Amino acid sequence: MNESTAAVAAGTTVGIIVFLIILAVVGLIIGALARFVLPGRDDMSIWKTMAYGVGGAFLGGMVSRLLGISNAILGYAIAIAVAVGLIWFFTRRKKSP
């Protein structure tokens, strides 16, 4: 491996790490806003909040893309709404006995 190949590989690794950090922060923000929208007490950990936020952002982004929405604020609103739906579905809905 020569110097330029090593530099590209190192840059790619740093890029992936930065992307994952940004993804975690955005997921935490969207998950926290989704929990804020839902009324009542919630005993979710920070990791679950991040996971639901990332899931909501991913699925909300797909929905926005399918609907042809290019407005960033509306895209974030859809991501939060999807995260609210995920949290409600997986943690708050009534489980049948």
PDB file of N, CA and C in Angstrom:
ATOM      1  N   MET A   1       0.846  -1.160   0.000  1.00  0.00           N
ATOM      2  CA  MET A   1       0.000   0.000   0.000  1.00  0.00           C
ATOM      3  C   MET A   1       0.897   1.231   0.000  1.00  0.00           C
ATOM      4  N   ASN A   2       0.670   2.114  -0.961  1.00  0.00           N
ATOM      5  CA  ASN A   2       1.475   3.334  -1.019  1.00  0.00           C
ATOM      6  C   ASN A   2       0.849   4.438  -0.167  1.00  0.00           C
ATOM      7  N   GLU A   3       1.508   5.597  -0.126  1.00  0.00           N
ATOM      8  CA  GLU A   3       1.054   6.691   0.744  1.00  0.00           C
ATOM      9  C   GLU A   3      -0.324   7.212   0.369  1.00  0.00           C
ATOM     10  N   SER A   4      -0.599   7.358  -0.907  1.00  0.00           N
ATOM     11  CA  SER A   4      -1.897   7.911  -1.316  1.00  0.00           C
ATOM     12  C   SER A   4      -3.032   6.942  -0.989  1.00  0.00           C
ATOM     13  N   THR A   5      -2.798   5.657  -1.152  1.00  0.00           N
ATOM     14  CA  THR A   5      -3.814   4.669  -0.806  1.00  0.00           C
ATOM     15  C   THR A   5      -4.075   4.666   0.690  1.00  0.00           C
ATOM     16  N   ALA A   6      -3.027   4.785   1.485  1.00  0.00           N
ATOM     17  CA  ALA A   6      -3.172   4.830   2.939  1.00  0.00           C
ATOM     18  C   ALA A   6      -3.931   6.080   3.366  1.00  0.00           C
ATOM     19  N   ALA A   7      -3.663   7.210   2.711  1.00  0.00           N
ATOM     20  CA  ALA A   7      -4.357   8.459   3.044  1.00  0.00           C
ATOM     21  C   ALA A   7      -5.840   8.361   2.723  1.00  0.00           C
ATOM     22  N   VAL A   8      -6.166   7.758   1.585  1.00  0.00           N
ATOM     23  CA  VAL A   8      -7.572   7.587   1.215  1.00  0.00           C
ATOM     24  C   VAL A   8      -8.266   6.665   2.210  1.00  0.00           C
ATOM     25  N   ALA A   9      -7.601   5.578   2.591  1.00  0.00           N
ATOM     26  CA  ALA A   9      -8.187   4.644   3.556  1.00  0.00           C
ATOM     27  C   ALA A   9      -8.395   5.308   4.911  1.00  0.00           C
ATOM     28  N   ALA A  10      -7.441   6.094   5.352  1.00  0.00           N
ATOM     29  CA  ALA A  10      -7.572   6.797   6.632  1.00  0.00           C
ATOM     30  C   ALA A  10      -8.673   7.843   6.551  1.00  0.00           C
ATOM     31  N   GLY A  11      -8.760   8.560   5.444  1.00  0.00           N
ATOM     32  CA  GLY A  11      -9.812   9.558   5.262  1.00  0.00           C
ATOM     33  C   GLY A  11     -11.187   8.933   5.249  1.00  0.00           C
ATOM     34  N   THR A  12     -11.312   7.763   4.635  1.00  0.00           N
ATOM     35  CA  THR A  12     -12.574   7.055   4.603  1.00  0.00           C
ATOM     36  C   THR A  12     -12.977   6.620   5.997  1.00  0.00           C
ATOM     37  N   THR A  13     -12.041   6.125   6.786  1.00  0.00           N
ATOM     38  CA  THR A  13     -12.326   5.697   8.144  1.00  0.00           C
ATOM     39  C   THR A  13     -12.766   6.878   8.995  1.00  0.00           C
ATOM     40  N   VAL A  14     -12.069   7.990   8.888  1.00  0.00           N
ATOM     41  CA  VAL A  14     -12.446   9.185   9.643  1.00  0.00           C
ATOM     42  C   VAL A  14     -13.816   9.678   9.193  1.00  0.00           C
ATOM     43  N   GLY A  15     -14.070   9.636   7.906  1.00  0.00           N
ATOM     44  CA  GLY A  15     -15.368  10.056   7.381  1.00  0.00           C
ATOM     45  C   GLY A  15     -16.508   9.213   7.918  1.00  0.00           C
ATOM     46  N   ILE A  16     -16.302   7.912   8.010  1.00  0.00           N
ATOM     47  CA  ILE A  16     -17.322   7.014   8.534  1.00  0.00           C
ATOM     48  C   ILE A  16     -17.560   7.290  10.014  1.00  0.00           C
ATOM     49  N   ILE A  17     -16.493   7.507  10.765  1.00  0.00           N
ATOM     50  CA  ILE A  17     -16.626   7.784  12.198  1.00  0.00           C
ATOM     51  C   ILE A  17     -17.374   9.089  12.420  1.00  0.00           C
ATOM     52  N   VAL A  18     -17.040  10.123  11.654  1.00  0.00           N
ATOM     53  CA  VAL A  18     -17.734  11.407  11.774  1.00  0.00           C
ATOM     54  C   VAL A  18     -19.209  11.241  11.407  1.00  0.00           C
ATOM     55  N   PHE A  19     -19.493  10.490  10.348  1.00  0.00           N
ATOM     56  CA  PHE A  19     -20.873  10.236   9.941  1.00  0.00           C
ATOM     57  C   PHE A  19     -21.646   9.534  11.057  1.00  0.00           C
ATOM     58  N   LEU A  20     -21.051   8.538  11.687  1.00  0.00           N
ATOM     59  CA  LEU A  20     -21.729   7.819  12.764  1.00  0.00           C
ATOM     60  C   LEU A  20     -21.973   8.710  13.985  1.00  0.00           C
ATOM     61  N   ILE A  21     -21.041   9.589  14.284  1.00  0.00           N
ATOM     62  CA  ILE A  21     -21.232  10.522  15.398  1.00  0.00           C
ATOM     63  C   ILE A  21     -22.379  11.489  15.090  1.00  0.00           C
ATOM     64  N   ILE A  22     -22.398  12.023  13.875  1.00  0.00           N
ATOM     65  CA  ILE A  22     -23.481  12.927  13.478  1.00  0.00           C
ATOM     66  C   ILE A  22     -24.815  12.184  13.503  1.00  0.00           C
ATOM     67  N   LEU A  23     -24.832  10.958  13.019  1.00  0.00           N
ATOM     68  CA  LEU A  23     -26.048  10.148  13.029  1.00  0.00           C
ATOM     69  C   LEU A  23     -26.555   9.928  14.453  1.00  0.00           C
ATOM     70  N   ALA A  24     -25.654   9.658  15.394  1.00  0.00           N
ATOM     71  CA  ALA A  24     -26.047   9.450  16.790  1.00  0.00           C
ATOM     72  C   ALA A  24     -26.607  10.732  17.399  1.00  0.00           C
ATOM     73  N   VAL A  25     -25.983  11.873  17.112  1.00  0.00           N
ATOM     74  CA  VAL A  25     -26.463  13.148  17.667  1.00  0.00           C
ATOM     75  C   VAL A  25     -27.831  13.504  17.091  1.00  0.00           C
ATOM     76  N   VAL A  26     -27.988  13.362  15.785  1.00  0.00           N
ATOM     77  CA  VAL A  26     -29.279  13.646  15.154  1.00  0.00           C
ATOM     78  C   VAL A  26     -30.342  12.676  15.682  1.00  0.00           C
ATOM     79  N   GLY A  27     -29.984  11.417  15.832  1.00  0.00           N
ATOM     80  CA  GLY A  27     -30.920  10.437  16.379  1.00  0.00           C
ATOM     81  C   GLY A  27     -31.337  10.780  17.796  1.00  0.00           C
ATOM     82  N   LEU A  28     -30.387  11.232  18.597  1.00  0.00           N
ATOM     83  CA  LEU A  28     -30.701  11.614  19.976  1.00  0.00           C
ATOM     84  C   LEU A  28     -31.640  12.817  19.997  1.00  0.00           C
ATOM     85  N   ILE A  29     -31.395  13.791  19.158  1.00  0.00           N
ATOM     86  CA  ILE A  29     -32.251  14.982  19.117  1.00  0.00           C
ATOM     87  C   ILE A  29     -33.659  14.624  18.641  1.00  0.00           C
ATOM     88  N   ILE A  30     -33.759  13.873  17.566  1.00  0.00           N
ATOM     89  CA  ILE A  30     -35.074  13.493  17.041  1.00  0.00           C
ATOM     90  C   ILE A  30     -35.798  12.586  18.028  1.00  0.00           C
ATOM     91  N   GLY A  31     -35.093  11.642  18.632  1.00  0.00           N
ATOM     92  CA  GLY A  31     -35.711  10.776  19.633  1.00  0.00           C
ATOM     93  C   GLY A  31     -36.188  11.546  20.852  1.00  0.00           C
ATOM     94  N   ALA A  32     -35.390  12.512  21.304  1.00  0.00           N
ATOM     95  CA  ALA A  32     -35.783  13.324  22.463  1.00  0.00           C
ATOM     96  C   ALA A  32     -37.007  14.177  22.139  1.00  0.00           C
ATOM     97  N   LEU A  33     -37.041  14.763  20.944  1.00  0.00           N
ATOM     98  CA  LEU A  33     -38.218  15.543  20.551  1.00  0.00           C
ATOM     99  C   LEU A  33     -39.455  14.649  20.419  1.00  0.00           C
ATOM    100  N   ALA A  34     -39.274  13.442  19.929  1.00  0.00           N
ATOM    101  CA  ALA A  34     -40.391  12.504  19.815  1.00  0.00           C
ATOM    102  C   ALA A  34     -40.916  12.121  21.198  1.00  0.00           C
ATOM    103  N   ARG A  35     -40.023  11.887  22.148  1.00  0.00           N
ATOM    104  CA  ARG A  35     -40.454  11.580  23.517  1.00  0.00           C
ATOM    105  C   ARG A  35     -41.148  12.769  24.147  1.00  0.00           C
ATOM    106  N   PHE A  36     -40.713  13.977  23.823  1.00  0.00           N
ATOM    107  CA  PHE A  36     -41.325  15.186  24.351  1.00  0.00           C
ATOM    108  C   PHE A  36     -42.756  15.340  23.835  1.00  0.00           C
ATOM    109  N   VAL A  37     -43.004  14.950  22.587  1.00  0.00           N
ATOM    110  CA  VAL A  37     -44.332  15.072  21.981  1.00  0.00           C
ATOM    111  C   VAL A  37     -45.315  14.103  22.635  1.00  0.00           C
ATOM    112  N   LEU A  38     -44.857  12.907  22.976  1.00  0.00           N
ATOM    113  CA  LEU A  38     -45.734  11.912  23.593  1.00  0.00           C
ATOM    114  C   LEU A  38     -45.976  12.260  25.061  1.00  0.00           C
ATOM    115  N   PRO A  39     -47.234  12.285  25.500  1.00  0.00           N
ATOM    116  CA  PRO A  39     -47.497  12.597  26.902  1.00  0.00           C
ATOM    117  C   PRO A  39     -47.197  11.401  27.812  1.00  0.00           C
ATOM    118  N   GLY A  40     -46.937  11.685  29.077  1.00  0.00           N
ATOM    119  CA  GLY A  40     -46.739  10.623  30.064  1.00  0.00           C
ATOM    120  C   GLY A  40     -45.279  10.299  30.297  1.00  0.00           C
ATOM    121  N   ARG A  41     -45.069   9.490  31.335  1.00  0.00           N
ATOM    122  CA  ARG A  41     -43.730   9.097  31.743  1.00  0.00           C
ATOM    123  C   ARG A  41     -43.181   8.028  30.800  1.00  0.00           C
ATOM    124  N   ASP A  42     -41.886   8.097  30.570  1.00  0.00           N
ATOM    125  CA  ASP A  42     -41.233   7.116  29.701  1.00  0.00           C
ATOM    126  C   ASP A  42     -39.903   6.722  30.320  1.00  0.00           C
ATOM    127  N   ASP A  43     -39.695   5.443  30.510  1.00  0.00           N
ATOM    128  CA  ASP A  43     -38.481   4.938  31.152  1.00  0.00           C
ATOM    129  C   ASP A  43     -37.478   4.385  30.146  1.00  0.00           C
ATOM    130  N   MET A  44     -37.404   4.983  28.965  1.00  0.00           N
ATOM    131  CA  MET A  44     -36.451   4.523  27.957  1.00  0.00           C
ATOM    132  C   MET A  44     -35.049   5.016  28.280  1.00  0.00           C
ATOM    133  N   SER A  45     -34.076   4.197  27.927  1.00  0.00           N
ATOM    134  CA  SER A  45     -32.680   4.598  28.090  1.00  0.00           C
ATOM    135  C   SER A  45     -32.286   5.558  26.965  1.00  0.00           C
ATOM    136  N   ILE A  46     -31.143   6.177  27.130  1.00  0.00           N
ATOM    137  CA  ILE A  46     -30.646   7.095  26.101  1.00  0.00           C
ATOM    138  C   ILE A  46     -30.352   6.333  24.803  1.00  0.00           C
ATOM    139  N   TRP A  47     -29.957   5.070  24.926  1.00  0.00           N
ATOM    140  CA  TRP A  47     -29.632   4.267  23.738  1.00  0.00           C
ATOM    141  C   TRP A  47     -30.892   3.945  22.951  1.00  0.00           C
ATOM    142  N   LYS A  48     -31.989   3.643  23.651  1.00  0.00           N
ATOM    143  CA  LYS A  48     -33.256   3.399  22.951  1.00  0.00           C
ATOM    144  C   LYS A  48     -33.760   4.682  22.312  1.00  0.00           C
ATOM    145  N   THR A  49     -33.598   5.801  23.016  1.00  0.00           N
ATOM    146  CA  THR A  49     -34.003   7.088  22.453  1.00  0.00           C
ATOM    147  C   THR A  49     -33.244   7.358  21.159  1.00  0.00           C
ATOM    148  N   MET A  50     -31.933   7.106  21.161  1.00  0.00           N
ATOM    149  CA  MET A  50     -31.124   7.271  19.949  1.00  0.00           C
ATOM    150  C   MET A  50     -31.595   6.331  18.849  1.00  0.00           C
ATOM    151  N   ALA A  51     -31.850   5.084  19.211  1.00  0.00           N
ATOM    152  CA  ALA A  51     -32.260   4.094  18.206  1.00  0.00           C
ATOM    153  C   ALA A  51     -33.584   4.488  17.552  1.00  0.00           C
ATOM    154  N   TYR A  52     -34.565   4.895  18.365  1.00  0.00           N
ATOM    155  CA  TYR A  52     -35.843   5.321  17.791  1.00  0.00           C
ATOM    156  C   TYR A  52     -35.679   6.597  16.977  1.00  0.00           C
ATOM    157  N   GLY A  53     -34.804   7.493  17.409  1.00  0.00           N
ATOM    158  CA  GLY A  53     -34.541   8.716  16.655  1.00  0.00           C
ATOM    159  C   GLY A  53     -33.888   8.437  15.315  1.00  0.00           C
ATOM    160  N   VAL A  54     -32.903   7.555  15.311  1.00  0.00           N
ATOM    161  CA  VAL A  54     -32.237   7.186  14.049  1.00  0.00           C
ATOM    162  C   VAL A  54     -33.221   6.463  13.133  1.00  0.00           C
ATOM    163  N   GLY A  55     -34.010   5.556  13.698  1.00  0.00           N
ATOM    164  CA  GLY A  55     -35.028   4.855  12.901  1.00  0.00           C
ATOM    165  C   GLY A  55     -36.051   5.820  12.326  1.00  0.00           C
ATOM    166  N   GLY A  56     -36.491   6.770  13.161  1.00  0.00           N
ATOM    167  CA  GLY A  56     -37.447   7.767  12.690  1.00  0.00           C
ATOM    168  C   GLY A  56     -36.852   8.648  11.614  1.00  0.00           C
ATOM    169  N   ALA A  57     -35.585   9.038  11.786  1.00  0.00           N
ATOM    170  CA  ALA A  57     -34.928   9.869  10.780  1.00  0.00           C
ATOM    171  C   ALA A  57     -34.773   9.115   9.462  1.00  0.00           C
ATOM    172  N   PHE A  58     -34.397   7.847   9.553  1.00  0.00           N
ATOM    173  CA  PHE A  58     -34.213   7.043   8.341  1.00  0.00           C
ATOM    174  C   PHE A  58     -35.542   6.842   7.615  1.00  0.00           C
ATOM    175  N   LEU A  59     -36.554   6.369   8.358  1.00  0.00           N
ATOM    176  CA  LEU A  59     -37.848   6.124   7.724  1.00  0.00           C
ATOM    177  C   LEU A  59     -38.522   7.430   7.300  1.00  0.00           C
ATOM    178  N   GLY A  60     -38.381   8.474   8.121  1.00  0.00           N
ATOM    179  CA  GLY A  60     -38.934   9.780   7.751  1.00  0.00           C
ATOM    180  C   GLY A  60     -38.278  10.340   6.504  1.00  0.00           C
ATOM    181  N   GLY A  61     -36.976  10.125   6.374  1.00  0.00           N
ATOM    182  CA  GLY A  61     -36.276  10.547   5.165  1.00  0.00           C
ATOM    183  C   GLY A  61     -36.765   9.811   3.933  1.00  0.00           C
ATOM    184  N   MET A  62     -37.036   8.522   4.101  1.00  0.00           N
ATOM    185  CA  MET A  62     -37.559   7.745   2.976  1.00  0.00           C
ATOM    186  C   MET A  62     -38.957   8.238   2.583  1.00  0.00           C
ATOM    187  N   VAL A  63     -39.811   8.494   3.580  1.00  0.00           N
ATOM    188  CA  VAL A  63     -41.159   8.999   3.299  1.00  0.00           C
ATOM    189  C   VAL A  63     -41.083  10.360   2.616  1.00  0.00           C
ATOM    190  N   SER A  64     -40.228  11.240   3.137  1.00  0.00           N
ATOM    191  CA  SER A  64     -40.072  12.568   2.532  1.00  0.00           C
ATOM    192  C   SER A  64     -39.610  12.463   1.090  1.00  0.00           C
ATOM    193  N   ARG A  65     -38.675  11.576   0.875  1.00  0.00           N
ATOM    194  CA  ARG A  65     -38.144  11.389  -0.482  1.00  0.00           C
ATOM    195  C   ARG A  65     -39.230  10.865  -1.431  1.00  0.00           C
ATOM    196  N   LEU A  66     -40.021   9.897  -0.943  1.00  0.00           N
ATOM    197  CA  LEU A  66     -41.095   9.340  -1.770  1.00  0.00           C
ATOM    198  C   LEU A  66     -42.173  10.372  -2.078  1.00  0.00           C
ATOM    199  N   LEU A  67     -42.424  11.289  -1.129  1.00  0.00           N
ATOM    200  CA  LEU A  67     -43.421  12.332  -1.337  1.00  0.00           C
ATOM    201  C   LEU A  67     -42.870  13.527  -2.100  1.00  0.00           C
ATOM    202  N   GLY A  68     -41.574  13.537  -2.366  1.00  0.00           N
ATOM    203  CA  GLY A  68     -40.952  14.623  -3.116  1.00  0.00           C
ATOM    204  C   GLY A  68     -40.777  15.894  -2.303  1.00  0.00           C
ATOM    205  N   ILE A  69     -40.635  15.753  -0.982  1.00  0.00           N
ATOM    206  CA  ILE A  69     -40.476  16.912  -0.108  1.00  0.00           C
ATOM    207  C   ILE A  69     -39.001  17.263  -0.020  1.00  0.00           C
ATOM    208  N   SER A  70     -38.683  18.522  -0.339  1.00  0.00           N
ATOM    209  CA  SER A  70     -37.286  18.945  -0.275  1.00  0.00           C
ATOM    210  C   SER A  70     -37.047  19.984   0.824  1.00  0.00           C
ATOM    211  N   ASN A  71     -38.101  20.413   1.513  1.00  0.00           N
ATOM    212  CA  ASN A  71     -37.992  21.372   2.608  1.00  0.00           C
ATOM    213  C   ASN A  71     -37.404  20.672   3.831  1.00  0.00           C
ATOM    214  N   ALA A  72     -36.287  21.179   4.349  1.00  0.00           N
ATOM    215  CA  ALA A  72     -35.591  20.523   5.458  1.00  0.00           C
ATOM    216  C   ALA A  72     -36.428  20.521   6.729  1.00  0.00           C
ATOM    217  N   ILE A  73     -37.098  21.624   7.020  1.00  0.00           N
ATOM    218  CA  ILE A  73     -37.897  21.691   8.255  1.00  0.00           C
ATOM    219  C   ILE A  73     -39.042  20.690   8.204  1.00  0.00           C
ATOM    220  N   LEU A  74     -39.693  20.596   7.078  1.00  0.00           N
ATOM    221  CA  LEU A  74     -40.770  19.616   6.924  1.00  0.00           C
ATOM    222  C   LEU A  74     -40.224  18.192   6.991  1.00  0.00           C
ATOM    223  N   GLY A  75     -39.033  17.981   6.454  1.00  0.00           N
ATOM    224  CA  GLY A  75     -38.398  16.667   6.533  1.00  0.00           C
ATOM    225  C   GLY A  75     -38.114  16.262   7.975  1.00  0.00           C
ATOM    226  N   TYR A  76     -37.615  17.218   8.783  1.00  0.00           N
ATOM    227  CA  TYR A  76     -37.379  16.924  10.201  1.00  0.00           C
ATOM    228  C   TYR A  76     -38.689  16.670  10.935  1.00  0.00           C
ATOM    229  N   ALA A  77     -39.738  17.415  10.587  1.00  0.00           N
ATOM    230  CA  ALA A  77     -41.044  17.207  11.222  1.00  0.00           C
ATOM    231  C   ALA A  77     -41.573  15.803  10.918  1.00  0.00           C
ATOM    232  N   ILE A  78     -41.383  15.354   9.698  1.00  0.00           N
ATOM    233  CA  ILE A  78     -41.811  14.003   9.328  1.00  0.00           C
ATOM    234  C   ILE A  78     -40.970  12.972  10.075  1.00  0.00           C
ATOM    235  N   ALA A  79     -39.674  13.206  10.201  1.00  0.00           N
ATOM    236  CA  ALA A  79     -38.803  12.284  10.940  1.00  0.00           C
ATOM    237  C   ALA A  79     -39.234  12.189  12.401  1.00  0.00           C
ATOM    238  N   ILE A  80     -39.578  13.318  13.009  1.00  0.00           N
ATOM    239  CA  ILE A  80     -40.040  13.306  14.402  1.00  0.00           C
ATOM    240  C   ILE A  80     -41.368  12.576  14.504  1.00  0.00           C
ATOM    241  N   ALA A  81     -42.265  12.816  13.559  1.00  0.00           N
ATOM    242  CA  ALA A  81     -43.562  12.128  13.576  1.00  0.00           C
ATOM    243  C   ALA A  81     -43.391  10.615  13.439  1.00  0.00           C
ATOM    244  N   VAL A  82     -42.494  10.191  12.589  1.00  0.00           N
ATOM    245  CA  VAL A  82     -42.242   8.757  12.426  1.00  0.00           C
ATOM    246  C   VAL A  82     -41.633   8.183  13.707  1.00  0.00           C
ATOM    247  N   ALA A  83     -40.712   8.918  14.329  1.00  0.00           N
ATOM    248  CA  ALA A  83     -40.124   8.463  15.598  1.00  0.00           C
ATOM    249  C   ALA A  83     -41.186   8.362  16.683  1.00  0.00           C
ATOM    250  N   VAL A  84     -42.116   9.324  16.728  1.00  0.00           N
ATOM    251  CA  VAL A  84     -43.231   9.257  17.685  1.00  0.00           C
ATOM    252  C   VAL A  84     -44.035   7.986  17.439  1.00  0.00           C
ATOM    253  N   GLY A  85     -44.321   7.702  16.182  1.00  0.00           N
ATOM    254  CA  GLY A  85     -45.058   6.485  15.842  1.00  0.00           C
ATOM    255  C   GLY A  85     -44.314   5.228  16.261  1.00  0.00           C
ATOM    256  N   LEU A  86     -43.020   5.196  16.046  1.00  0.00           N
ATOM    257  CA  LEU A  86     -42.229   4.034  16.454  1.00  0.00           C
ATOM    258  C   LEU A  86     -42.229   3.851  17.967  1.00  0.00           C
ATOM    259  N   ILE A  87     -42.029   4.951  18.690  1.00  0.00           N
ATOM    260  CA  ILE A  87     -42.025   4.859  20.155  1.00  0.00           C
ATOM    261  C   ILE A  87     -43.383   4.411  20.656  1.00  0.00           C
ATOM    262  N   TRP A  88     -44.438   4.986  20.121  1.00  0.00           N
ATOM    263  CA  TRP A  88     -45.782   4.590  20.552  1.00  0.00           C
ATOM    264  C   TRP A  88     -46.034   3.112  20.242  1.00  0.00           C
ATOM    265  N   PHE A  89     -45.698   2.698  19.030  1.00  0.00           N
ATOM    266  CA  PHE A  89     -45.981   1.324  18.617  1.00  0.00           C
ATOM    267  C   PHE A  89     -45.212   0.306  19.451  1.00  0.00           C
ATOM    268  N   PHE A  90     -43.935   0.561  19.704  1.00  0.00           N
ATOM    269  CA  PHE A  90     -43.111  -0.433  20.374  1.00  0.00           C
ATOM    270  C   PHE A  90     -43.098  -0.337  21.897  1.00  0.00           C
ATOM    271  N   THR A  91     -43.490   0.808  22.462  1.00  0.00           N
ATOM    272  CA  THR A  91     -43.417   0.922  23.920  1.00  0.00           C
ATOM    273  C   THR A  91     -44.714   1.293  24.598  1.00  0.00           C
ATOM    274  N   ARG A  92     -45.628   1.926  23.898  1.00  0.00           N
ATOM    275  CA  ARG A  92     -46.796   2.472  24.583  1.00  0.00           C
ATOM    276  C   ARG A  92     -48.127   1.832  24.217  1.00  0.00           C
ATOM    277  N   ARG A  93     -48.219   1.145  23.126  1.00  0.00           N
ATOM    278  CA  ARG A  93     -49.534   0.600  22.756  1.00  0.00           C
ATOM    279  C   ARG A  93     -49.895  -0.526  23.702  1.00  0.00           C
ATOM    280  N   LYS A  94     -51.177  -0.758  23.819  1.00  0.00           N
ATOM    281  CA  LYS A  94     -51.665  -1.813  24.708  1.00  0.00           C
ATOM    282  C   LYS A  94     -51.319  -3.171  24.104  1.00  0.00           C
ATOM    283  N   LYS A  95     -50.682  -3.988  24.918  1.00  0.00           N
ATOM    284  CA  LYS A  95     -50.364  -5.348  24.479  1.00  0.00           C
ATOM    285  C   LYS A  95     -51.546  -6.246  24.823  1.00  0.00           C
ATOM    286  N   SER A  96     -52.007  -7.020  23.853  1.00  0.00           N
ATOM    287  CA  SER A  96     -53.123  -7.920  24.133  1.00  0.00           C
ATOM    288  C   SER A  96     -52.618  -9.126  24.917  1.00  0.00           C
ATOM    289  N   PRO A  97     -53.377  -9.568  25.939  1.00  0.00           N
ATOM    290  CA  PRO A  97     -52.892 -10.672  26.799  1.00  0.00           C
ATOM    291  C   PRO A  97     -52.880 -12.009  26.120  1.00  0.00           C
TER     292      PRO A  97
END
